[in-house]
Amino acid sequence: MSQIKDLTAGRILPQILKLAIPIIATSFVQMAYNMTDMAWLGRVGSETVSAVGIALYLVWLGSSLMFIPKIGAEVCISQSVGRKNMDDAKAFSRNAFGLSFLISIGFGFLVWLFTGPIVNLFQIENDFVNQTAFVYLRIVAIGMPFTFSNITLSGIYNGTGNTKVPFYVNAVGLILNMILDPILIFGWGSIPAMGAEGAGIATVASQILVFGLFMLHLKGKHNPLNTKQYLGKLNKQFLKPIIKIGGPVALQSTCFAILSMLLARVLNYIAQGNNIPFSVQSIGSQIEALSWMTALGFSSALGTFTGQNYGAKRWDRIQKGFFITLGIASTLGLISTALFYFFGAEIFSLFIKKSEPDVLKMGIVYLMILSFSQVFMCIEITATGAFNGIGKAMPPTIIGIIGNVLRIPFAFVFAFSLVDILPLFSEYLNPDSVPVTSVWWGLTLSSILKGSFLFLGFIIILIRHPENDHELPFQKKWINLIPSRLRQQALTVSQIKSEK
Protein backbone atom coordinates (compact mmCIF):
# COMPACT_ATOMS: atom_id res chain seq x y z
CA MET A 1 0.00 0.00 0.00
CA SER A 2 3.01 2.29 -0.15
CA GLN A 3 1.77 3.61 -3.49
CA ILE A 4 -1.28 5.21 -1.79
CA LYS A 5 -0.92 8.80 -0.55
CA ASP A 6 -2.94 9.75 2.56
CA LEU A 7 -4.14 13.34 2.06
CA THR A 8 -6.42 13.55 5.10
CA ALA A 9 -3.65 14.71 7.45
CA GLY A 10 -0.50 16.81 7.21
CA ARG A 11 0.42 20.17 5.71
CA ILE A 12 -1.90 21.08 2.86
CA LEU A 13 0.30 23.23 0.61
CA PRO A 14 3.09 20.64 0.20
CA GLN A 15 0.49 17.95 -0.47
CA ILE A 16 -1.23 20.04 -3.15
CA LEU A 17 2.10 20.85 -4.79
CA LYS A 18 3.33 17.25 -4.68
CA LEU A 19 0.11 16.14 -6.31
CA ALA A 20 -0.15 18.98 -8.81
CA ILE A 21 3.39 19.27 -10.14
CA PRO A 22 3.54 15.75 -11.66
CA ILE A 23 -0.01 16.18 -13.01
CA ILE A 24 0.93 19.52 -14.59
CA ALA A 25 4.10 18.02 -15.96
CA THR A 26 2.06 15.13 -17.40
CA SER A 27 -0.43 17.61 -18.90
CA PHE A 28 2.42 19.56 -20.45
CA VAL A 29 3.85 16.36 -21.85
CA GLN A 30 0.48 15.42 -23.38
CA MET A 31 0.04 18.96 -24.71
CA ALA A 32 3.58 18.94 -26.04
CA TYR A 33 2.61 16.20 -28.50
CA ASN A 34 0.35 18.67 -30.30
CA MET A 35 2.64 21.65 -29.76
CA THR A 36 5.61 19.72 -31.15
CA ASP A 37 3.55 18.85 -34.21
CA MET A 38 2.44 22.49 -34.59
CA ALA A 39 5.96 23.85 -34.12
CA TRP A 40 7.41 21.61 -36.86
CA LEU A 41 4.40 21.86 -39.17
CA GLY A 42 4.44 25.64 -38.80
CA ARG A 43 7.73 25.48 -40.69
CA VAL A 44 5.92 23.66 -43.50
CA GLY A 45 3.21 26.32 -43.81
CA SER A 46 -0.01 27.72 -42.35
CA GLU A 47 -2.16 25.53 -44.64
CA THR A 48 -0.71 22.38 -43.08
CA VAL A 49 -1.30 23.86 -39.62
CA SER A 50 -4.94 24.50 -40.54
CA ALA A 51 -5.31 20.89 -41.67
CA VAL A 52 -3.92 19.49 -38.43
CA GLY A 53 -6.02 22.00 -36.50
CA ILE A 54 -9.16 20.41 -37.96
CA ALA A 55 -8.07 16.96 -36.78
CA LEU A 56 -7.19 18.21 -33.31
CA TYR A 57 -10.80 19.26 -32.75
CA LEU A 58 -11.76 15.58 -33.08
CA VAL A 59 -8.94 14.54 -30.73
CA TRP A 60 -10.29 17.11 -28.30
CA LEU A 61 -13.81 15.73 -28.68
CA GLY A 62 -12.61 12.18 -27.98
CA SER A 63 -10.52 13.34 -25.01
CA SER A 64 -13.67 15.01 -23.65
CA LEU A 65 -15.55 11.71 -23.71
CA MET A 66 -12.69 10.15 -21.76
CA PHE A 67 -13.45 12.47 -18.84
CA ILE A 68 -16.22 9.99 -17.95
CA PRO A 69 -13.80 7.23 -16.83
CA LYS A 70 -10.89 9.55 -15.97
CA ILE A 71 -12.67 11.98 -13.62
CA GLY A 72 -14.91 9.20 -12.36
CA ALA A 73 -11.84 7.12 -11.51
CA GLU A 74 -10.01 10.01 -9.84
CA VAL A 75 -12.91 10.99 -7.60
CA CYS A 76 -14.33 7.53 -6.81
CA ILE A 77 -10.91 6.04 -6.09
CA SER A 78 -9.82 9.01 -3.96
CA GLN A 79 -13.05 8.93 -1.94
CA SER A 80 -12.64 5.17 -1.43
CA VAL A 81 -9.06 5.73 -0.25
CA GLY A 82 -10.34 8.41 2.15
CA ARG A 83 -12.80 5.88 3.57
CA LYS A 84 -9.98 3.27 3.75
CA ASN A 85 -12.01 0.97 1.48
CA MET A 86 -9.40 -0.45 -0.87
CA ASP A 87 -11.66 -3.14 -2.34
CA ASP A 88 -13.94 -0.43 -3.74
CA ALA A 89 -10.93 1.48 -5.05
CA LYS A 90 -9.79 -1.60 -7.01
CA ALA A 91 -13.30 -2.18 -8.37
CA PHE A 92 -13.58 1.43 -9.52
CA SER A 93 -10.22 1.19 -11.31
CA ARG A 94 -11.28 -1.96 -13.19
CA ASN A 95 -14.60 -0.49 -14.30
CA ALA A 96 -13.07 2.84 -15.32
CA PHE A 97 -10.39 1.19 -17.46
CA GLY A 98 -12.86 -1.20 -19.10
CA LEU A 99 -15.24 1.66 -19.89
CA SER A 100 -12.43 3.77 -21.36
CA PHE A 101 -11.34 0.98 -23.67
CA LEU A 102 -14.87 0.52 -25.03
CA ILE A 103 -15.40 4.25 -25.60
CA SER A 104 -12.03 4.81 -27.23
CA ILE A 105 -12.39 1.89 -29.68
CA GLY A 106 -15.91 2.97 -30.65
CA PHE A 107 -14.96 6.62 -31.09
CA GLY A 108 -11.84 5.83 -33.11
CA PHE A 109 -13.83 3.56 -35.45
CA LEU A 110 -16.51 6.23 -36.05
CA VAL A 111 -13.91 8.92 -36.76
CA TRP A 112 -12.12 6.65 -39.26
CA LEU A 113 -15.43 5.73 -40.92
CA PHE A 114 -16.76 9.30 -41.25
CA THR A 115 -13.52 11.21 -41.81
CA GLY A 116 -14.76 12.82 -45.05
CA PRO A 117 -17.99 14.33 -43.67
CA ILE A 118 -16.13 15.48 -40.55
CA VAL A 119 -13.56 17.42 -42.60
CA ASN A 120 -16.29 18.91 -44.81
CA LEU A 121 -18.08 20.16 -41.69
CA PHE A 122 -15.48 22.92 -41.30
CA GLN A 123 -16.18 24.35 -44.79
CA ILE A 124 -12.56 25.22 -45.52
CA GLU A 125 -12.33 26.38 -49.16
CA ASN A 126 -8.90 24.88 -49.77
CA ASP A 127 -8.45 21.42 -51.33
CA PHE A 128 -4.93 20.96 -49.92
CA VAL A 129 -6.10 21.70 -46.38
CA ASN A 130 -9.07 19.32 -46.67
CA GLN A 131 -7.05 16.46 -48.17
CA THR A 132 -4.24 16.83 -45.64
CA ALA A 133 -6.76 16.91 -42.77
CA PHE A 134 -8.40 13.73 -44.14
CA VAL A 135 -5.11 11.78 -44.18
CA TYR A 136 -3.93 13.05 -40.78
CA LEU A 137 -7.27 12.33 -39.11
CA ARG A 138 -7.40 8.78 -40.50
CA ILE A 139 -3.94 8.06 -39.05
CA VAL A 140 -4.75 9.59 -35.66
CA ALA A 141 -8.03 7.63 -35.49
CA ILE A 142 -6.09 4.34 -35.61
CA GLY A 143 -4.20 5.34 -32.45
CA MET A 144 -7.20 6.64 -30.51
CA PRO A 145 -7.78 3.46 -28.45
CA PHE A 146 -4.26 3.82 -27.06
CA THR A 147 -4.26 7.63 -26.78
CA PHE A 148 -7.56 7.81 -24.91
CA SER A 149 -6.98 4.77 -22.68
CA ASN A 150 -3.78 6.45 -21.50
CA ILE A 151 -5.89 9.34 -20.19
CA THR A 152 -7.91 7.03 -17.93
CA LEU A 153 -4.83 5.16 -16.75
CA SER A 154 -3.40 8.50 -15.62
CA GLY A 155 -6.65 9.16 -13.76
CA ILE A 156 -6.40 5.84 -11.90
CA TYR A 157 -2.93 6.73 -10.66
CA ASN A 158 -4.02 10.30 -9.79
CA GLY A 159 -6.91 8.95 -7.71
CA THR A 160 -4.47 7.05 -5.48
CA GLY A 161 -2.34 10.19 -5.04
CA ASN A 162 0.49 8.65 -7.10
CA THR A 163 0.90 11.29 -9.81
CA LYS A 164 4.55 10.66 -10.68
CA VAL A 165 4.19 7.46 -12.70
CA PRO A 166 1.90 9.04 -15.38
CA PHE A 167 4.47 11.81 -15.81
CA TYR A 168 7.40 9.45 -16.27
CA VAL A 169 5.52 7.21 -18.69
CA ASN A 170 4.16 10.09 -20.80
CA ALA A 171 7.57 11.79 -20.83
CA VAL A 172 9.12 8.73 -22.48
CA GLY A 173 6.43 8.87 -25.16
CA LEU A 174 7.08 12.58 -25.73
CA ILE A 175 10.80 11.96 -26.23
CA LEU A 176 10.00 9.41 -28.92
CA ASN A 177 7.56 11.85 -30.54
CA MET A 178 10.14 14.65 -30.55
CA ILE A 179 12.67 12.35 -32.23
CA LEU A 180 10.26 11.02 -34.85
CA ASP A 181 8.53 14.32 -35.74
CA PRO A 182 11.31 16.07 -37.69
CA ILE A 183 12.45 12.80 -39.27
CA LEU A 184 9.01 11.85 -40.58
CA ILE A 185 7.81 15.40 -41.39
CA PHE A 186 10.88 16.56 -43.34
CA GLY A 187 12.47 13.21 -44.22
CA TRP A 188 15.90 11.82 -43.39
CA GLY A 189 18.11 9.60 -45.51
CA SER A 190 15.93 7.04 -47.26
CA ILE A 191 12.86 8.13 -45.26
CA PRO A 192 10.74 10.46 -47.45
CA ALA A 193 9.26 13.75 -46.22
CA MET A 194 5.65 13.05 -45.22
CA GLY A 195 4.51 16.37 -43.74
CA ALA A 196 1.34 16.13 -41.65
CA GLU A 197 1.12 12.38 -42.35
CA GLY A 198 4.51 11.91 -40.68
CA ALA A 199 3.40 13.95 -37.65
CA GLY A 200 0.38 11.68 -37.26
CA ILE A 201 2.47 8.52 -37.45
CA ALA A 202 4.90 9.90 -34.85
CA THR A 203 2.08 10.71 -32.44
CA VAL A 204 0.40 7.30 -32.79
CA ALA A 205 3.69 5.43 -32.32
CA SER A 206 4.43 7.44 -29.18
CA GLN A 207 1.00 6.77 -27.66
CA ILE A 208 1.32 3.04 -28.32
CA LEU A 209 4.63 3.12 -26.43
CA VAL A 210 3.01 4.97 -23.51
CA PHE A 211 0.20 2.41 -23.35
CA GLY A 212 2.72 -0.43 -23.33
CA LEU A 213 4.69 1.16 -20.49
CA PHE A 214 1.50 1.61 -18.45
CA MET A 215 0.67 -2.07 -18.96
CA LEU A 216 4.14 -3.13 -17.84
CA HIS A 217 3.90 -1.06 -14.67
CA LEU A 218 0.39 -2.27 -13.86
CA LYS A 219 1.58 -5.87 -14.12
CA GLY A 220 4.54 -5.15 -11.84
CA LYS A 221 4.75 -5.26 -8.05
CA HIS A 222 4.55 -1.47 -7.66
CA ASN A 223 1.17 -0.94 -9.32
CA PRO A 224 -0.98 1.66 -7.49
CA LEU A 225 -3.67 -0.61 -5.98
CA ASN A 226 -1.78 -3.89 -5.55
CA THR A 227 -3.96 -5.65 -8.09
CA LYS A 228 -3.07 -7.03 -11.49
CA GLN A 229 -6.66 -7.34 -12.70
CA TYR A 230 -7.55 -4.07 -14.46
CA LEU A 231 -9.89 -5.54 -17.07
CA GLY A 232 -13.02 -7.54 -16.40
CA LYS A 233 -16.80 -7.54 -16.56
CA LEU A 234 -18.31 -4.11 -15.97
CA ASN A 235 -20.26 -3.90 -12.72
CA LYS A 236 -23.27 -1.57 -12.53
CA GLN A 237 -22.65 -0.91 -8.83
CA PHE A 238 -19.32 0.76 -9.59
CA LEU A 239 -20.01 1.92 -13.13
CA LYS A 240 -22.94 4.10 -12.06
CA PRO A 241 -20.93 6.36 -9.67
CA ILE A 242 -18.18 6.70 -12.30
CA ILE A 243 -20.68 7.87 -14.91
CA LYS A 244 -22.54 10.05 -12.39
CA ILE A 245 -19.37 11.97 -11.51
CA GLY A 246 -17.47 11.82 -14.79
CA GLY A 247 -20.51 12.14 -17.05
CA PRO A 248 -21.30 15.81 -16.38
CA VAL A 249 -17.61 16.74 -16.78
CA ALA A 250 -17.47 14.83 -20.06
CA LEU A 251 -20.75 16.41 -21.19
CA GLN A 252 -19.39 19.89 -20.52
CA SER A 253 -16.10 19.22 -22.28
CA THR A 254 -17.83 17.47 -25.21
CA CYS A 255 -20.22 20.38 -25.66
CA PHE A 256 -17.21 22.68 -25.44
CA ALA A 257 -15.45 20.75 -28.22
CA ILE A 258 -18.57 20.67 -30.44
CA LEU A 259 -19.27 24.36 -29.84
CA SER A 260 -15.63 25.13 -30.63
CA MET A 261 -16.04 23.37 -33.98
CA LEU A 262 -19.18 25.42 -34.62
CA LEU A 263 -17.30 28.52 -33.55
CA ALA A 264 -14.60 27.64 -36.07
CA ARG A 265 -17.30 27.69 -38.75
CA VAL A 266 -18.50 31.05 -37.44
CA LEU A 267 -14.92 32.33 -37.62
CA ASN A 268 -14.58 31.09 -41.21
CA TYR A 269 -17.91 32.73 -42.07
CA ILE A 270 -16.88 36.07 -40.62
CA ALA A 271 -13.46 35.76 -42.27
CA GLN A 272 -15.19 35.11 -45.64
CA GLY A 273 -13.05 32.12 -46.58
CA ASN A 274 -9.72 33.56 -45.42
CA ASN A 275 -7.89 30.68 -43.72
CA ILE A 276 -5.46 32.91 -41.76
CA PRO A 277 -7.81 33.47 -38.76
CA PHE A 278 -8.39 29.71 -38.49
CA SER A 279 -4.63 29.08 -38.56
CA VAL A 280 -4.17 31.71 -35.86
CA GLN A 281 -6.87 30.15 -33.68
CA SER A 282 -5.41 26.65 -34.18
CA ILE A 283 -1.97 27.80 -33.05
CA GLY A 284 -3.25 30.22 -30.42
CA SER A 285 -5.39 27.60 -28.69
CA GLN A 286 -2.30 25.40 -28.32
CA ILE A 287 -0.38 28.31 -26.80
CA GLU A 288 -3.22 29.17 -24.44
CA ALA A 289 -3.21 25.54 -23.36
CA LEU A 290 -0.04 26.39 -21.41
CA SER A 291 -2.26 28.34 -19.06
CA TRP A 292 -5.31 26.11 -18.80
CA MET A 293 -3.27 22.90 -18.64
CA THR A 294 -1.42 24.31 -15.64
CA ALA A 295 -4.71 25.24 -13.98
CA LEU A 296 -6.13 21.82 -14.90
CA GLY A 297 -3.20 20.17 -13.12
CA PHE A 298 -4.01 22.02 -9.91
CA SER A 299 -7.71 21.29 -10.47
CA SER A 300 -7.01 17.53 -10.71
CA ALA A 301 -4.82 17.71 -7.61
CA LEU A 302 -7.52 19.61 -5.74
CA GLY A 303 -10.14 17.06 -6.88
CA THR A 304 -8.07 14.17 -5.49
CA PHE A 305 -7.28 16.07 -2.29
CA THR A 306 -10.91 17.12 -1.83
CA GLY A 307 -12.16 13.62 -2.63
CA GLN A 308 -10.10 11.97 0.10
CA ASN A 309 -11.03 14.61 2.68
CA TYR A 310 -14.67 14.46 1.65
CA GLY A 311 -14.59 10.70 2.24
CA ALA A 312 -12.99 11.38 5.65
CA LYS A 313 -15.42 14.29 6.34
CA ARG A 314 -12.57 16.77 6.83
CA TRP A 315 -14.29 19.97 5.69
CA ASP A 316 -11.69 22.13 7.37
CA ARG A 317 -9.08 20.73 4.99
CA ILE A 318 -11.43 20.92 1.99
CA GLN A 319 -11.90 24.63 2.65
CA LYS A 320 -8.23 25.39 3.20
CA GLY A 321 -7.22 23.32 0.19
CA PHE A 322 -9.64 25.25 -2.02
CA PHE A 323 -8.30 28.67 -1.09
CA ILE A 324 -4.66 27.61 -1.24
CA THR A 325 -5.12 26.13 -4.72
CA LEU A 326 -7.18 29.13 -5.83
CA GLY A 327 -4.38 31.48 -4.81
CA ILE A 328 -1.79 29.48 -6.74
CA ALA A 329 -3.95 29.22 -9.86
CA SER A 330 -4.84 32.93 -9.82
CA THR A 331 -1.16 33.83 -9.61
CA LEU A 332 -0.44 31.62 -12.59
CA GLY A 333 -3.29 33.31 -14.44
CA LEU A 334 -1.74 36.72 -13.80
CA ILE A 335 1.60 35.47 -15.14
CA SER A 336 -0.13 34.17 -18.29
CA THR A 337 -1.86 37.52 -18.72
CA ALA A 338 1.43 39.37 -18.62
CA LEU A 339 3.15 36.94 -20.99
CA PHE A 340 0.34 36.95 -23.56
CA TYR A 341 -0.12 40.72 -23.51
CA PHE A 342 3.47 41.90 -23.50
CA PHE A 343 5.33 39.02 -25.19
CA GLY A 344 2.78 37.77 -27.72
CA ALA A 345 5.09 38.39 -30.69
CA GLU A 346 7.94 36.38 -29.22
CA ILE A 347 5.64 33.51 -28.22
CA PHE A 348 3.67 33.26 -31.46
CA SER A 349 6.73 33.53 -33.68
CA LEU A 350 7.89 30.16 -32.32
CA PHE A 351 5.05 28.48 -34.23
CA ILE A 352 4.98 30.21 -37.62
CA LYS A 353 7.32 30.94 -40.50
CA LYS A 354 8.83 34.43 -40.77
CA SER A 355 7.57 34.56 -44.35
CA GLU A 356 3.96 34.80 -43.06
CA PRO A 357 3.87 38.16 -41.23
CA ASP A 358 0.07 38.49 -41.50
CA VAL A 359 -0.40 35.30 -39.48
CA LEU A 360 2.05 36.51 -36.86
CA LYS A 361 0.39 39.91 -36.48
CA MET A 362 -3.06 38.42 -36.09
CA GLY A 363 -1.63 35.90 -33.63
CA ILE A 364 -0.33 38.74 -31.47
CA VAL A 365 -3.83 40.22 -31.38
CA TYR A 366 -5.31 36.82 -30.46
CA LEU A 367 -3.02 36.51 -27.42
CA MET A 368 -3.63 40.10 -26.34
CA ILE A 369 -7.40 39.59 -26.34
CA LEU A 370 -7.25 36.23 -24.54
CA SER A 371 -4.87 37.68 -21.93
CA PHE A 372 -7.78 39.48 -20.23
CA SER A 373 -9.51 36.21 -19.32
CA GLN A 374 -6.62 34.12 -18.02
CA VAL A 375 -7.18 34.71 -14.30
CA PHE A 376 -10.91 33.98 -14.58
CA MET A 377 -10.23 30.87 -16.64
CA CYS A 378 -7.85 29.56 -13.96
CA ILE A 379 -10.47 30.28 -11.27
CA GLU A 380 -13.12 28.42 -13.30
CA ILE A 381 -10.95 25.34 -13.72
CA THR A 382 -9.86 25.32 -10.05
CA ALA A 383 -13.43 25.62 -8.77
CA THR A 384 -14.46 22.78 -11.09
CA GLY A 385 -11.91 20.51 -9.39
CA ALA A 386 -13.35 21.38 -5.99
CA PHE A 387 -16.91 20.63 -7.15
CA ASN A 388 -15.78 17.31 -8.63
CA GLY A 389 -14.01 16.33 -5.41
CA ILE A 390 -17.23 16.51 -3.39
CA GLY A 391 -19.13 14.65 -6.10
CA LYS A 392 -21.12 17.68 -7.35
CA ALA A 393 -20.10 17.78 -10.99
CA MET A 394 -23.38 19.19 -12.31
CA PRO A 395 -23.02 22.91 -11.35
CA PRO A 396 -19.77 23.36 -13.32
CA THR A 397 -21.37 21.48 -16.22
CA ILE A 398 -24.43 23.72 -16.35
CA ILE A 399 -22.45 26.94 -16.01
CA GLY A 400 -19.80 25.72 -18.45
CA ILE A 401 -22.29 24.72 -21.15
CA ILE A 402 -24.29 27.94 -20.86
CA GLY A 403 -21.10 30.02 -20.95
CA ASN A 404 -19.77 28.15 -23.98
CA VAL A 405 -23.09 28.39 -25.88
CA LEU A 406 -23.06 32.16 -25.33
CA ARG A 407 -19.80 32.39 -27.28
CA ILE A 408 -21.64 32.01 -30.59
CA PRO A 409 -24.15 34.86 -30.11
CA PHE A 410 -21.37 36.97 -28.55
CA ALA A 411 -19.33 36.50 -31.74
CA PHE A 412 -22.19 37.56 -34.01
CA VAL A 413 -23.16 40.52 -31.83
CA PHE A 414 -19.59 41.81 -31.67
CA ALA A 415 -19.00 41.17 -35.39
CA PHE A 416 -22.14 42.76 -36.80
CA SER A 417 -23.78 44.98 -34.16
CA LEU A 418 -20.92 46.23 -31.99
CA VAL A 419 -18.03 46.03 -34.46
CA ASP A 420 -17.57 49.82 -34.30
CA ILE A 421 -16.63 49.64 -30.63
CA LEU A 422 -14.06 46.85 -31.00
CA PRO A 423 -10.41 47.86 -30.60
CA LEU A 424 -8.82 48.33 -34.02
CA PHE A 425 -5.32 47.03 -33.23
CA SER A 426 -4.27 49.19 -36.18
CA GLU A 427 -0.59 48.38 -35.60
CA TYR A 428 -1.29 44.73 -36.41
CA LEU A 429 -4.54 44.49 -38.42
CA ASN A 430 -6.09 46.15 -41.40
CA PRO A 431 -9.66 47.42 -40.83
CA ASP A 432 -11.24 44.54 -42.77
CA SER A 433 -9.78 42.03 -40.29
CA VAL A 434 -11.22 43.62 -37.14
CA PRO A 435 -14.56 41.68 -37.27
CA VAL A 436 -12.77 38.32 -36.85
CA THR A 437 -11.59 39.44 -33.41
CA SER A 438 -15.24 39.32 -32.31
CA VAL A 439 -14.91 35.55 -31.86
CA TRP A 440 -11.97 36.02 -29.52
CA TRP A 441 -13.68 38.77 -27.51
CA GLY A 442 -16.58 36.34 -27.07
CA LEU A 443 -14.19 33.71 -25.70
CA THR A 444 -12.80 36.21 -23.22
CA LEU A 445 -16.18 37.49 -22.00
CA SER A 446 -17.58 33.99 -21.48
CA SER A 447 -14.50 32.91 -19.48
CA ILE A 448 -14.90 35.91 -17.20
CA LEU A 449 -18.55 35.03 -16.56
CA LYS A 450 -17.92 31.32 -15.96
CA GLY A 451 -15.04 31.93 -13.57
CA SER A 452 -17.06 34.42 -11.54
CA PHE A 453 -20.15 32.24 -11.19
CA LEU A 454 -18.27 29.04 -10.29
CA PHE A 455 -16.20 30.82 -7.65
CA LEU A 456 -19.31 32.22 -5.99
CA GLY A 457 -21.05 28.84 -6.31
CA PHE A 458 -18.41 26.98 -4.32
CA ILE A 459 -18.29 29.76 -1.72
CA ILE A 460 -22.03 29.24 -1.22
CA ILE A 461 -21.51 25.48 -0.75
CA LEU A 462 -18.79 26.09 1.85
CA ILE A 463 -21.03 28.49 3.77
CA ARG A 464 -24.21 26.43 3.58
CA HIS A 465 -22.96 22.87 4.02
CA PRO A 466 -24.14 21.54 7.41
CA GLU A 467 -20.92 19.58 8.05
CA ASN A 468 -18.70 22.64 7.55
CA ASP A 469 -18.56 24.61 10.79
CA HIS A 470 -15.40 26.54 9.87
CA GLU A 471 -15.70 30.22 8.99
CA LEU A 472 -14.29 31.26 5.63
CA PRO A 473 -11.35 33.67 5.34
CA PHE A 474 -12.87 37.16 5.10
CA GLN A 475 -16.33 35.56 5.29
CA LYS A 476 -18.23 38.84 5.62
CA LYS A 477 -16.67 40.14 2.42
CA TRP A 478 -17.45 36.94 0.49
CA ILE A 479 -21.09 37.04 1.64
CA ASN A 480 -21.46 40.58 0.26
CA LEU A 481 -20.61 39.21 -3.21
CA ILE A 482 -23.47 36.68 -3.11
CA PRO A 483 -26.95 37.63 -4.45
CA SER A 484 -29.27 38.80 -1.63
CA ARG A 485 -31.65 35.78 -1.56
CA LEU A 486 -28.78 33.26 -1.42
CA ARG A 487 -26.95 35.52 1.04
CA GLN A 488 -29.91 35.40 3.47
CA GLN A 489 -30.05 31.58 3.24
CA ALA A 490 -26.31 31.37 3.87
CA LEU A 491 -26.56 33.66 6.90
CA THR A 492 -29.43 31.58 8.29
CA VAL A 493 -27.40 28.37 7.98
CA SER A 494 -24.40 30.10 9.56
CA GLN A 495 -26.55 31.22 12.55
CA ILE A 496 -27.89 27.68 13.04
CA LYS A 497 -24.33 26.34 13.06
CA SER A 498 -23.35 28.93 15.67
CA GLU A 499 -26.29 27.98 17.92
CA LYS A 500 -25.22 24.34 17.74
Foldseek 3Di string as FASTA:
>chain_A
DVLFDQLQDDDQVVLLCLLLPLLLLLLVLVLVLVVLLLLVLQVVHLLLLLLVLLLVLLVLLLLLLLLLLLLLLQQQLLLCVLLVNLVLNLLSLLQSLQVQLVSQLVSLVVCLVPVLVSLCLLVQPDPVSSVSSSLLNNLLSVLRSLQSSLSNLCSSSSSSSNSNVSSVLSNVLSVQLNVQNVCAQPHDDVRHHDRSNSSSNSNSVSSVSSSVVSLVLLCDCVHNSRDNNNYDDNDCVSSVSSCLLSVLSSLLSNLLSVLVSVLSSVLCVLVVNDCLLSSLCSNLVSVCCSLLSSLLSSLSSLLSSLSSCLSNLPLVSNQVSLVVSLVVSLVSLLVQLCCLQPVQLVVSPSRHDPVCLLSSLVNSVLSNLQSLLSNLLSLLSNLCSSCSSNRNNNVSSVLSSVLSVQLVVQLVCCLPPVVVVQDQSVVRDDNSPSSSCSSSNSVRVSSNVSSVVSNLVVLLCLLQPLSRLDAHVVNVVSLVVDPPVSSVNSVVSNVVSVVD
